[in-house]
Amino acid sequence: MTAPATLAIYAGAALAEIGGCFAVWAWMRKGASALWLVPGILSLAVFAWLLALAPSDFAGRAYAAYGGVYIAASLGWLWRVEKQRPDAWDMTGDAICGLGAAIILFAPRAA
């Protein structure tokens, strides 16, 4: 699988996970209707399905690499949905984690 396809899978998984978790957050912390849980659960199911498509022979490695993408997507959510711009510390941490995720995902490995 190509790197752009892999990143697309991870980006879709991140959006689905954040959306599902936000639905629960809205219900528990913001007083939204319990009906928010229905799309939230569906979104989390899509997240799990997409993450299972990640091109790795080992689930733990796929999940570890996904963590860096999740952090970037979470900061994007913070900025776009919650209208709170990430600060320099957020961006520095994201860059460090993104580099780590790229190493885990794209490092050459013995067959």
PDB file of N, CA and C in Angstrom:
ATOM      1  N   MET A   1       0.855  -1.177   0.000  1.00  0.00           N
ATOM      2  CA  MET A   1       0.000   0.000   0.000  1.00  0.00           C
ATOM      3  C   MET A   1       0.897   1.235   0.000  1.00  0.00           C
ATOM      4  N   THR A   2       0.501   2.237  -0.749  1.00  0.00           N
ATOM      5  CA  THR A   2       1.305   3.455  -0.851  1.00  0.00           C
ATOM      6  C   THR A   2       1.177   4.312   0.409  1.00  0.00           C
ATOM      7  N   ALA A   3       2.156   5.181   0.593  1.00  0.00           N
ATOM      8  CA  ALA A   3       2.125   6.079   1.757  1.00  0.00           C
ATOM      9  C   ALA A   3       0.892   6.981   1.745  1.00  0.00           C
ATOM     10  N   PRO A   4       0.504   7.588   0.600  1.00  0.00           N
ATOM     11  CA  PRO A   4      -0.714   8.415   0.619  1.00  0.00           C
ATOM     12  C   PRO A   4      -1.967   7.609   0.987  1.00  0.00           C
ATOM     13  N   ALA A   5      -2.068   6.378   0.520  1.00  0.00           N
ATOM     14  CA  ALA A   5      -3.234   5.551   0.860  1.00  0.00           C
ATOM     15  C   ALA A   5      -3.241   5.229   2.349  1.00  0.00           C
ATOM     16  N   THR A   6      -2.076   4.928   2.882  1.00  0.00           N
ATOM     17  CA  THR A   6      -1.968   4.634   4.311  1.00  0.00           C
ATOM     18  C   THR A   6      -2.366   5.859   5.139  1.00  0.00           C
ATOM     19  N   LEU A   7      -1.864   7.020   4.745  1.00  0.00           N
ATOM     20  CA  LEU A   7      -2.206   8.236   5.482  1.00  0.00           C
ATOM     21  C   LEU A   7      -3.696   8.551   5.360  1.00  0.00           C
ATOM     22  N   ALA A   8      -4.296   8.247   4.213  1.00  0.00           N
ATOM     23  CA  ALA A   8      -5.740   8.463   4.050  1.00  0.00           C
ATOM     24  C   ALA A   8      -6.529   7.556   4.990  1.00  0.00           C
ATOM     25  N   ILE A   9      -6.104   6.304   5.130  1.00  0.00           N
ATOM     26  CA  ILE A   9      -6.775   5.389   6.067  1.00  0.00           C
ATOM     27  C   ILE A   9      -6.671   5.939   7.483  1.00  0.00           C
ATOM     28  N   TYR A  10      -5.463   6.346   7.872  1.00  0.00           N
ATOM     29  CA  TYR A  10      -5.269   6.875   9.222  1.00  0.00           C
ATOM     30  C   TYR A  10      -6.046   8.172   9.442  1.00  0.00           C
ATOM     31  N   ALA A  11      -6.086   9.033   8.444  1.00  0.00           N
ATOM     32  CA  ALA A  11      -6.823  10.292   8.587  1.00  0.00           C
ATOM     33  C   ALA A  11      -8.319  10.019   8.742  1.00  0.00           C
ATOM     34  N   GLY A  12      -8.848   9.097   7.957  1.00  0.00           N
ATOM     35  CA  GLY A  12     -10.261   8.741   8.089  1.00  0.00           C
ATOM     36  C   GLY A  12     -10.562   8.130   9.441  1.00  0.00           C
ATOM     37  N   ALA A  13      -9.658   7.264   9.898  1.00  0.00           N
ATOM     38  CA  ALA A  13      -9.832   6.643  11.216  1.00  0.00           C
ATOM     39  C   ALA A  13      -9.812   7.701  12.311  1.00  0.00           C
ATOM     40  N   ALA A  14      -8.906   8.652  12.190  1.00  0.00           N
ATOM     41  CA  ALA A  14      -8.804   9.704  13.207  1.00  0.00           C
ATOM     42  C   ALA A  14     -10.073  10.544  13.248  1.00  0.00           C
ATOM     43  N   LEU A  15     -10.566  10.921  12.088  1.00  0.00           N
ATOM     44  CA  LEU A  15     -11.793  11.719  12.048  1.00  0.00           C
ATOM     45  C   LEU A  15     -12.965  10.946  12.652  1.00  0.00           C
ATOM     46  N   ALA A  16     -13.056   9.663  12.322  1.00  0.00           N
ATOM     47  CA  ALA A  16     -14.142   8.836  12.872  1.00  0.00           C
ATOM     48  C   ALA A  16     -14.007   8.685  14.387  1.00  0.00           C
ATOM     49  N   GLU A  17     -12.782   8.469  14.870  1.00  0.00           N
ATOM     50  CA  GLU A  17     -12.594   8.309  16.312  1.00  0.00           C
ATOM     51  C   GLU A  17     -12.899   9.605  17.060  1.00  0.00           C
ATOM     52  N   ILE A  18     -12.384  10.703  16.559  1.00  0.00           N
ATOM     53  CA  ILE A  18     -12.608  11.978  17.229  1.00  0.00           C
ATOM     54  C   ILE A  18     -14.089  12.332  17.213  1.00  0.00           C
ATOM     55  N   GLY A  19     -14.746  12.114  16.080  1.00  0.00           N
ATOM     56  CA  GLY A  19     -16.175  12.391  15.996  1.00  0.00           C
ATOM     57  C   GLY A  19     -16.983  11.551  16.970  1.00  0.00           C
ATOM     58  N   GLY A  20     -16.647  10.265  17.061  1.00  0.00           N
ATOM     59  CA  GLY A  20     -17.347   9.388  18.000  1.00  0.00           C
ATOM     60  C   GLY A  20     -17.112   9.775  19.443  1.00  0.00           C
ATOM     61  N   CYS A  21     -15.869  10.068  19.764  1.00  0.00           N
ATOM     62  CA  CYS A  21     -15.553  10.476  21.135  1.00  0.00           C
ATOM     63  C   CYS A  21     -16.174  11.827  21.467  1.00  0.00           C
ATOM     64  N   PHE A  22     -16.207  12.732  20.488  1.00  0.00           N
ATOM     65  CA  PHE A  22     -16.807  14.037  20.727  1.00  0.00           C
ATOM     66  C   PHE A  22     -18.302  13.906  21.004  1.00  0.00           C
ATOM     67  N   ALA A  23     -18.955  12.953  20.342  1.00  0.00           N
ATOM     68  CA  ALA A  23     -20.387  12.736  20.589  1.00  0.00           C
ATOM     69  C   ALA A  23     -20.619  12.358  22.055  1.00  0.00           C
ATOM     70  N   VAL A  24     -19.776  11.483  22.577  1.00  0.00           N
ATOM     71  CA  VAL A  24     -19.892  11.106  23.993  1.00  0.00           C
ATOM     72  C   VAL A  24     -19.572  12.302  24.875  1.00  0.00           C
ATOM     73  N   TRP A  25     -18.526  13.048  24.528  1.00  0.00           N
ATOM     74  CA  TRP A  25     -18.140  14.258  25.269  1.00  0.00           C
ATOM     75  C   TRP A  25     -19.312  15.248  25.320  1.00  0.00           C
ATOM     76  N   ALA A  26     -19.942  15.470  24.152  1.00  0.00           N
ATOM     77  CA  ALA A  26     -21.060  16.419  24.088  1.00  0.00           C
ATOM     78  C   ALA A  26     -22.210  15.964  24.984  1.00  0.00           C
ATOM     79  N   TRP A  27     -22.482  14.675  24.987  1.00  0.00           N
ATOM     80  CA  TRP A  27     -23.568  14.144  25.816  1.00  0.00           C
ATOM     81  C   TRP A  27     -23.230  14.258  27.304  1.00  0.00           C
ATOM     82  N   MET A  28     -22.021  13.834  27.676  1.00  0.00           N
ATOM     83  CA  MET A  28     -21.654  13.804  29.096  1.00  0.00           C
ATOM     84  C   MET A  28     -21.286  15.175  29.661  1.00  0.00           C
ATOM     85  N   ARG A  29     -20.599  15.995  28.873  1.00  0.00           N
ATOM     86  CA  ARG A  29     -20.033  17.222  29.416  1.00  0.00           C
ATOM     87  C   ARG A  29     -20.756  18.488  28.991  1.00  0.00           C
ATOM     88  N   LYS A  30     -21.493  18.409  27.890  1.00  0.00           N
ATOM     89  CA  LYS A  30     -22.143  19.607  27.366  1.00  0.00           C
ATOM     90  C   LYS A  30     -23.667  19.531  27.436  1.00  0.00           C
ATOM     91  N   GLY A  31     -24.194  18.433  27.969  1.00  0.00           N
ATOM     92  CA  GLY A  31     -25.635  18.310  28.118  1.00  0.00           C
ATOM     93  C   GLY A  31     -26.391  18.025  26.831  1.00  0.00           C
ATOM     94  N   ALA A  32     -25.720  17.526  25.814  1.00  0.00           N
ATOM     95  CA  ALA A  32     -26.400  17.190  24.562  1.00  0.00           C
ATOM     96  C   ALA A  32     -27.302  15.974  24.783  1.00  0.00           C
ATOM     97  N   SER A  33     -28.234  15.805  23.890  1.00  0.00           N
ATOM     98  CA  SER A  33     -29.164  14.681  23.962  1.00  0.00           C
ATOM     99  C   SER A  33     -28.418  13.344  23.885  1.00  0.00           C
ATOM    100  N   ALA A  34     -28.985  12.330  24.535  1.00  0.00           N
ATOM    101  CA  ALA A  34     -28.411  10.983  24.457  1.00  0.00           C
ATOM    102  C   ALA A  34     -28.454  10.443  23.027  1.00  0.00           C
ATOM    103  N   LEU A  35     -29.243  11.051  22.172  1.00  0.00           N
ATOM    104  CA  LEU A  35     -29.277  10.646  20.769  1.00  0.00           C
ATOM    105  C   LEU A  35     -27.931  10.867  20.076  1.00  0.00           C
ATOM    106  N   TRP A  36     -27.104  11.727  20.633  1.00  0.00           N
ATOM    107  CA  TRP A  36     -25.753  11.925  20.101  1.00  0.00           C
ATOM    108  C   TRP A  36     -24.941  10.629  20.161  1.00  0.00           C
ATOM    109  N   LEU A  37     -25.327   9.725  21.056  1.00  0.00           N
ATOM    110  CA  LEU A  37     -24.580   8.478  21.194  1.00  0.00           C
ATOM    111  C   LEU A  37     -24.745   7.561  19.987  1.00  0.00           C
ATOM    112  N   VAL A  38     -25.858   7.666  19.274  1.00  0.00           N
ATOM    113  CA  VAL A  38     -26.090   6.795  18.115  1.00  0.00           C
ATOM    114  C   VAL A  38     -25.046   7.056  17.018  1.00  0.00           C
ATOM    115  N   PRO A  39     -24.916   8.284  16.520  1.00  0.00           N
ATOM    116  CA  PRO A  39     -23.865   8.494  15.522  1.00  0.00           C
ATOM    117  C   PRO A  39     -22.466   8.327  16.115  1.00  0.00           C
ATOM    118  N   GLY A  40     -22.346   8.587  17.410  1.00  0.00           N
ATOM    119  CA  GLY A  40     -21.055   8.393  18.055  1.00  0.00           C
ATOM    120  C   GLY A  40     -20.609   6.945  18.017  1.00  0.00           C
ATOM    121  N   ILE A  41     -21.500   6.039  18.320  1.00  0.00           N
ATOM    122  CA  ILE A  41     -21.169   4.608  18.293  1.00  0.00           C
ATOM    123  C   ILE A  41     -20.875   4.159  16.864  1.00  0.00           C
ATOM    124  N   LEU A  42     -21.675   4.619  15.919  1.00  0.00           N
ATOM    125  CA  LEU A  42     -21.429   4.269  14.513  1.00  0.00           C
ATOM    126  C   LEU A  42     -20.069   4.803  14.053  1.00  0.00           C
ATOM    127  N   SER A  43     -19.756   6.000  14.461  1.00  0.00           N
ATOM    128  CA  SER A  43     -18.477   6.595  14.094  1.00  0.00           C
ATOM    129  C   SER A  43     -17.309   5.802  14.681  1.00  0.00           C
ATOM    130  N   LEU A  44     -17.456   5.344  15.915  1.00  0.00           N
ATOM    131  CA  LEU A  44     -16.387   4.546  16.525  1.00  0.00           C
ATOM    132  C   LEU A  44     -16.253   3.182  15.856  1.00  0.00           C
ATOM    133  N   ALA A  45     -17.352   2.630  15.360  1.00  0.00           N
ATOM    134  CA  ALA A  45     -17.277   1.370  14.612  1.00  0.00           C
ATOM    135  C   ALA A  45     -16.530   1.577  13.288  1.00  0.00           C
ATOM    136  N   VAL A  46     -16.790   2.696  12.621  1.00  0.00           N
ATOM    137  CA  VAL A  46     -16.069   3.016  11.386  1.00  0.00           C
ATOM    138  C   VAL A  46     -14.580   3.191  11.683  1.00  0.00           C
ATOM    139  N   PHE A  47     -14.279   3.847  12.785  1.00  0.00           N
ATOM    140  CA  PHE A  47     -12.881   4.009  13.204  1.00  0.00           C
ATOM    141  C   PHE A  47     -12.181   2.656  13.319  1.00  0.00           C
ATOM    142  N   ALA A  48     -12.791   1.715  14.028  1.00  0.00           N
ATOM    143  CA  ALA A  48     -12.172   0.403  14.223  1.00  0.00           C
ATOM    144  C   ALA A  48     -11.993  -0.318  12.890  1.00  0.00           C
ATOM    145  N   TRP A  49     -12.979  -0.231  12.017  1.00  0.00           N
ATOM    146  CA  TRP A  49     -12.902  -0.885  10.713  1.00  0.00           C
ATOM    147  C   TRP A  49     -11.753  -0.294   9.890  1.00  0.00           C
ATOM    148  N   LEU A  50     -11.666   1.039   9.847  1.00  0.00           N
ATOM    149  CA  LEU A  50     -10.600   1.680   9.080  1.00  0.00           C
ATOM    150  C   LEU A  50      -9.225   1.341   9.637  1.00  0.00           C
ATOM    151  N   LEU A  51      -9.089   1.357  10.939  1.00  0.00           N
ATOM    152  CA  LEU A  51      -7.785   1.067  11.527  1.00  0.00           C
ATOM    153  C   LEU A  51      -7.350  -0.369  11.233  1.00  0.00           C
ATOM    154  N   ALA A  52      -8.320  -1.271  11.107  1.00  0.00           N
ATOM    155  CA  ALA A  52      -7.990  -2.660  10.760  1.00  0.00           C
ATOM    156  C   ALA A  52      -7.459  -2.773   9.331  1.00  0.00           C
ATOM    157  N   LEU A  53      -7.688  -1.762   8.497  1.00  0.00           N
ATOM    158  CA  LEU A  53      -7.173  -1.767   7.122  1.00  0.00           C
ATOM    159  C   LEU A  53      -5.720  -1.296   7.044  1.00  0.00           C
ATOM    160  N   ALA A  54      -5.176  -0.797   8.139  1.00  0.00           N
ATOM    161  CA  ALA A  54      -3.809  -0.271   8.139  1.00  0.00           C
ATOM    162  C   ALA A  54      -2.833  -1.356   7.694  1.00  0.00           C
ATOM    163  N   PRO A  55      -1.900  -0.993   6.826  1.00  0.00           N
ATOM    164  CA  PRO A  55      -0.965  -1.978   6.270  1.00  0.00           C
ATOM    165  C   PRO A  55       0.182  -2.311   7.216  1.00  0.00           C
ATOM    166  N   SER A  56      -0.083  -3.180   8.127  1.00  0.00           N
ATOM    167  CA  SER A  56       0.942  -3.632   9.064  1.00  0.00           C
ATOM    168  C   SER A  56       0.678  -5.084   9.397  1.00  0.00           C
ATOM    169  N   ASP A  57       1.743  -5.830   9.568  1.00  0.00           N
ATOM    170  CA  ASP A  57       1.581  -7.236   9.945  1.00  0.00           C
ATOM    171  C   ASP A  57       1.249  -7.391  11.422  1.00  0.00           C
ATOM    172  N   PHE A  58       1.386  -6.322  12.170  1.00  0.00           N
ATOM    173  CA  PHE A  58       1.147  -6.376  13.606  1.00  0.00           C
ATOM    174  C   PHE A  58       0.246  -5.221  14.027  1.00  0.00           C
ATOM    175  N   ALA A  59      -0.805  -5.538  14.756  1.00  0.00           N
ATOM    176  CA  ALA A  59      -1.773  -4.529  15.179  1.00  0.00           C
ATOM    177  C   ALA A  59      -1.111  -3.451  16.037  1.00  0.00           C
ATOM    178  N   GLY A  60      -0.266  -3.840  16.961  1.00  0.00           N
ATOM    179  CA  GLY A  60       0.377  -2.875  17.851  1.00  0.00           C
ATOM    180  C   GLY A  60       1.181  -1.835  17.100  1.00  0.00           C
ATOM    181  N   ARG A  61       1.867  -2.248  16.044  1.00  0.00           N
ATOM    182  CA  ARG A  61       2.651  -1.293  15.250  1.00  0.00           C
ATOM    183  C   ARG A  61       1.714  -0.345  14.493  1.00  0.00           C
ATOM    184  N   ALA A  62       0.638  -0.878  13.953  1.00  0.00           N
ATOM    185  CA  ALA A  62      -0.337  -0.029  13.251  1.00  0.00           C
ATOM    186  C   ALA A  62      -0.937   0.986  14.212  1.00  0.00           C
ATOM    187  N   TYR A  63      -1.266   0.565  15.412  1.00  0.00           N
ATOM    188  CA  TYR A  63      -1.863   1.466  16.405  1.00  0.00           C
ATOM    189  C   TYR A  63      -0.856   2.517  16.856  1.00  0.00           C
ATOM    190  N   ALA A  64       0.400   2.115  17.035  1.00  0.00           N
ATOM    191  CA  ALA A  64       1.429   3.067  17.466  1.00  0.00           C
ATOM    192  C   ALA A  64       1.633   4.151  16.416  1.00  0.00           C
ATOM    193  N   ALA A  65       1.713   3.747  15.153  1.00  0.00           N
ATOM    194  CA  ALA A  65       1.881   4.729  14.077  1.00  0.00           C
ATOM    195  C   ALA A  65       0.653   5.635  13.983  1.00  0.00           C
ATOM    196  N   TYR A  66      -0.515   5.060  14.177  1.00  0.00           N
ATOM    197  CA  TYR A  66      -1.753   5.836  14.126  1.00  0.00           C
ATOM    198  C   TYR A  66      -1.774   6.938  15.187  1.00  0.00           C
ATOM    199  N   GLY A  67      -1.128   6.703  16.308  1.00  0.00           N
ATOM    200  CA  GLY A  67      -1.130   7.689  17.390  1.00  0.00           C
ATOM    201  C   GLY A  67      -0.665   9.063  16.945  1.00  0.00           C
ATOM    202  N   GLY A  68       0.351   9.116  16.107  1.00  0.00           N
ATOM    203  CA  GLY A  68       0.837  10.405  15.618  1.00  0.00           C
ATOM    204  C   GLY A  68      -0.183  11.110  14.738  1.00  0.00           C
ATOM    205  N   VAL A  69      -0.874  10.345  13.918  1.00  0.00           N
ATOM    206  CA  VAL A  69      -1.911  10.916  13.064  1.00  0.00           C
ATOM    207  C   VAL A  69      -3.073  11.407  13.928  1.00  0.00           C
ATOM    208  N   TYR A  70      -3.416  10.637  14.953  1.00  0.00           N
ATOM    209  CA  TYR A  70      -4.505  11.016  15.846  1.00  0.00           C
ATOM    210  C   TYR A  70      -4.208  12.351  16.538  1.00  0.00           C
ATOM    211  N   ILE A  71      -2.982  12.533  16.960  1.00  0.00           N
ATOM    212  CA  ILE A  71      -2.611  13.781  17.629  1.00  0.00           C
ATOM    213  C   ILE A  71      -2.794  14.962  16.682  1.00  0.00           C
ATOM    214  N   ALA A  72      -2.317  14.829  15.458  1.00  0.00           N
ATOM    215  CA  ALA A  72      -2.474  15.912  14.478  1.00  0.00           C
ATOM    216  C   ALA A  72      -3.950  16.185  14.206  1.00  0.00           C
ATOM    217  N   ALA A  73      -4.727  15.133  14.037  1.00  0.00           N
ATOM    218  CA  ALA A  73      -6.162  15.306  13.773  1.00  0.00           C
ATOM    219  C   ALA A  73      -6.866  15.940  14.971  1.00  0.00           C
ATOM    220  N   SER A  74      -6.463  15.574  16.169  1.00  0.00           N
ATOM    221  CA  SER A  74      -7.068  16.150  17.375  1.00  0.00           C
ATOM    222  C   SER A  74      -6.798  17.640  17.469  1.00  0.00           C
ATOM    223  N   LEU A  75      -5.595  18.044  17.115  1.00  0.00           N
ATOM    224  CA  LEU A  75      -5.281  19.472  17.131  1.00  0.00           C
ATOM    225  C   LEU A  75      -6.036  20.210  16.032  1.00  0.00           C
ATOM    226  N   GLY A  76      -6.234  19.551  14.899  1.00  0.00           N
ATOM    227  CA  GLY A  76      -7.072  20.134  13.851  1.00  0.00           C
ATOM    228  C   GLY A  76      -8.507  20.304  14.318  1.00  0.00           C
ATOM    229  N   TRP A  77      -9.023  19.314  15.035  1.00  0.00           N
ATOM    230  CA  TRP A  77     -10.381  19.391  15.605  1.00  0.00           C
ATOM    231  C   TRP A  77     -10.466  20.544  16.609  1.00  0.00           C
ATOM    232  N   LEU A  78      -9.453  20.630  17.462  1.00  0.00           N
ATOM    233  CA  LEU A  78      -9.387  21.707  18.450  1.00  0.00           C
ATOM    234  C   LEU A  78      -9.530  23.062  17.761  1.00  0.00           C
ATOM    235  N   TRP A  79      -8.811  23.228  16.658  1.00  0.00           N
ATOM    236  CA  TRP A  79      -8.785  24.501  15.963  1.00  0.00           C
ATOM    237  C   TRP A  79     -10.065  24.748  15.171  1.00  0.00           C
ATOM    238  N   ARG A  80     -10.483  23.770  14.380  1.00  0.00           N
ATOM    239  CA  ARG A  80     -11.595  23.988  13.457  1.00  0.00           C
ATOM    240  C   ARG A  80     -12.970  23.862  14.105  1.00  0.00           C
ATOM    241  N   VAL A  81     -13.136  22.875  14.971  1.00  0.00           N
ATOM    242  CA  VAL A  81     -14.455  22.623  15.552  1.00  0.00           C
ATOM    243  C   VAL A  81     -14.645  23.392  16.855  1.00  0.00           C
ATOM    244  N   GLU A  82     -13.620  23.349  17.712  1.00  0.00           N
ATOM    245  CA  GLU A  82     -13.742  23.988  19.014  1.00  0.00           C
ATOM    246  C   GLU A  82     -13.243  25.439  19.030  1.00  0.00           C
ATOM    247  N   LYS A  83     -12.738  25.899  17.898  1.00  0.00           N
ATOM    248  CA  LYS A  83     -12.318  27.303  17.725  1.00  0.00           C
ATOM    249  C   LYS A  83     -11.234  27.731  18.712  1.00  0.00           C
ATOM    250  N   GLN A  84     -10.350  26.793  19.074  1.00  0.00           N
ATOM    251  CA  GLN A  84      -9.224  27.088  19.963  1.00  0.00           C
ATOM    252  C   GLN A  84      -7.943  26.773  19.192  1.00  0.00           C
ATOM    253  N   ARG A  85      -7.209  27.807  18.849  1.00  0.00           N
ATOM    254  CA  ARG A  85      -6.002  27.611  18.045  1.00  0.00           C
ATOM    255  C   ARG A  85      -4.918  26.916  18.866  1.00  0.00           C
ATOM    256  N   PRO A  86      -4.304  25.849  18.315  1.00  0.00           N
ATOM    257  CA  PRO A  86      -3.192  25.194  19.019  1.00  0.00           C
ATOM    258  C   PRO A  86      -2.034  26.169  19.218  1.00  0.00           C
ATOM    259  N   ASP A  87      -1.370  26.052  20.356  1.00  0.00           N
ATOM    260  CA  ASP A  87      -0.243  26.942  20.624  1.00  0.00           C
ATOM    261  C   ASP A  87       1.068  26.284  20.184  1.00  0.00           C
ATOM    262  N   ALA A  88       2.163  26.973  20.422  1.00  0.00           N
ATOM    263  CA  ALA A  88       3.477  26.478  19.992  1.00  0.00           C
ATOM    264  C   ALA A  88       3.826  25.149  20.652  1.00  0.00           C
ATOM    265  N   TRP A  89       3.424  24.953  21.892  1.00  0.00           N
ATOM    266  CA  TRP A  89       3.697  23.690  22.572  1.00  0.00           C
ATOM    267  C   TRP A  89       2.910  22.550  21.935  1.00  0.00           C
ATOM    268  N   ASP A  90       1.658  22.826  21.574  1.00  0.00           N
ATOM    269  CA  ASP A  90       0.857  21.820  20.880  1.00  0.00           C
ATOM    270  C   ASP A  90       1.542  21.412  19.574  1.00  0.00           C
ATOM    271  N   MET A  91       1.971  22.400  18.814  1.00  0.00           N
ATOM    272  CA  MET A  91       2.560  22.133  17.507  1.00  0.00           C
ATOM    273  C   MET A  91       3.916  21.435  17.621  1.00  0.00           C
ATOM    274  N   THR A  92       4.692  21.799  18.633  1.00  0.00           N
ATOM    275  CA  THR A  92       5.978  21.142  18.851  1.00  0.00           C
ATOM    276  C   THR A  92       5.766  19.671  19.209  1.00  0.00           C
ATOM    277  N   GLY A  93       4.846  19.413  20.115  1.00  0.00           N
ATOM    278  CA  GLY A  93       4.547  18.034  20.483  1.00  0.00           C
ATOM    279  C   GLY A  93       4.034  17.238  19.303  1.00  0.00           C
ATOM    280  N   ASP A  94       3.199  17.861  18.481  1.00  0.00           N
ATOM    281  CA  ASP A  94       2.675  17.196  17.293  1.00  0.00           C
ATOM    282  C   ASP A  94       3.795  16.840  16.326  1.00  0.00           C
ATOM    283  N   ALA A  95       4.727  17.753  16.121  1.00  0.00           N
ATOM    284  CA  ALA A  95       5.843  17.485  15.211  1.00  0.00           C
ATOM    285  C   ALA A  95       6.692  16.319  15.705  1.00  0.00           C
ATOM    286  N   ILE A  96       6.968  16.289  16.986  1.00  0.00           N
ATOM    287  CA  ILE A  96       7.764  15.195  17.563  1.00  0.00           C
ATOM    288  C   ILE A  96       7.034  13.864  17.398  1.00  0.00           C
ATOM    289  N   CYS A  97       5.745  13.852  17.725  1.00  0.00           N
ATOM    290  CA  CYS A  97       4.969  12.614  17.615  1.00  0.00           C
ATOM    291  C   CYS A  97       4.788  12.186  16.165  1.00  0.00           C
ATOM    292  N   GLY A  98       4.614  13.158  15.271  1.00  0.00           N
ATOM    293  CA  GLY A  98       4.489  12.836  13.847  1.00  0.00           C
ATOM    294  C   GLY A  98       5.747  12.195  13.299  1.00  0.00           C
ATOM    295  N   LEU A  99       6.889  12.698  13.715  1.00  0.00           N
ATOM    296  CA  LEU A  99       8.157  12.095  13.298  1.00  0.00           C
ATOM    297  C   LEU A  99       8.257  10.659  13.820  1.00  0.00           C
ATOM    298  N   GLY A 100       7.895  10.466  15.073  1.00  0.00           N
ATOM    299  CA  GLY A 100       7.926   9.117  15.641  1.00  0.00           C
ATOM    300  C   GLY A 100       6.994   8.169  14.912  1.00  0.00           C
ATOM    301  N   ALA A 101       5.797   8.635  14.587  1.00  0.00           N
ATOM    302  CA  ALA A 101       4.836   7.804  13.864  1.00  0.00           C
ATOM    303  C   ALA A 101       5.370   7.441  12.484  1.00  0.00           C
ATOM    304  N   ALA A 102       5.987   8.402  11.801  1.00  0.00           N
ATOM    305  CA  ALA A 102       6.545   8.132  10.471  1.00  0.00           C
ATOM    306  C   ALA A 102       7.662   7.095  10.543  1.00  0.00           C
ATOM    307  N   ILE A 103       8.490   7.192  11.552  1.00  0.00           N
ATOM    308  CA  ILE A 103       9.562   6.199  11.715  1.00  0.00           C
ATOM    309  C   ILE A 103       8.969   4.816  11.930  1.00  0.00           C
ATOM    310  N   ILE A 104       7.993   4.712  12.798  1.00  0.00           N
ATOM    311  CA  ILE A 104       7.360   3.415  13.070  1.00  0.00           C
ATOM    312  C   ILE A 104       6.715   2.856  11.806  1.00  0.00           C
ATOM    313  N   LEU A 105       6.004   3.697  11.074  1.00  0.00           N
ATOM    314  CA  LEU A 105       5.235   3.230   9.930  1.00  0.00           C
ATOM    315  C   LEU A 105       6.085   2.933   8.708  1.00  0.00           C
ATOM    316  N   PHE A 106       7.066   3.778   8.411  1.00  0.00           N
ATOM    317  CA  PHE A 106       7.776   3.678   7.135  1.00  0.00           C
ATOM    318  C   PHE A 106       9.199   3.144   7.236  1.00  0.00           C
ATOM    319  N   ALA A 107       9.673   2.788   8.417  1.00  0.00           N
ATOM    320  CA  ALA A 107      11.037   2.259   8.547  1.00  0.00           C
ATOM    321  C   ALA A 107      11.174   0.955   7.763  1.00  0.00           C
ATOM    322  N   PRO A 108      12.321   0.793   7.099  1.00  0.00           N
ATOM    323  CA  PRO A 108      12.530  -0.483   6.407  1.00  0.00           C
ATOM    324  C   PRO A 108      12.691  -1.606   7.438  1.00  0.00           C
ATOM    325  N   ARG A 109      12.036  -2.702   7.173  1.00  0.00           N
ATOM    326  CA  ARG A 109      12.079  -3.826   8.108  1.00  0.00           C
ATOM    327  C   ARG A 109      12.517  -5.081   7.372  1.00  0.00           C
ATOM    328  N   ALA A 110      13.199  -5.924   8.076  1.00  0.00           N
ATOM    329  CA  ALA A 110      13.605  -7.217   7.494  1.00  0.00           C
ATOM    330  C   ALA A 110      12.347  -8.047   7.239  1.00  0.00           C
ATOM    331  N   ALA A 111      12.334  -8.708   6.118  1.00  0.00           N
ATOM    332  CA  ALA A 111      11.155  -9.516   5.759  1.00  0.00           C
ATOM    333  C   ALA A 111      11.057 -10.795   6.530  1.00  0.00           C
TER     334      ALA A 111
END
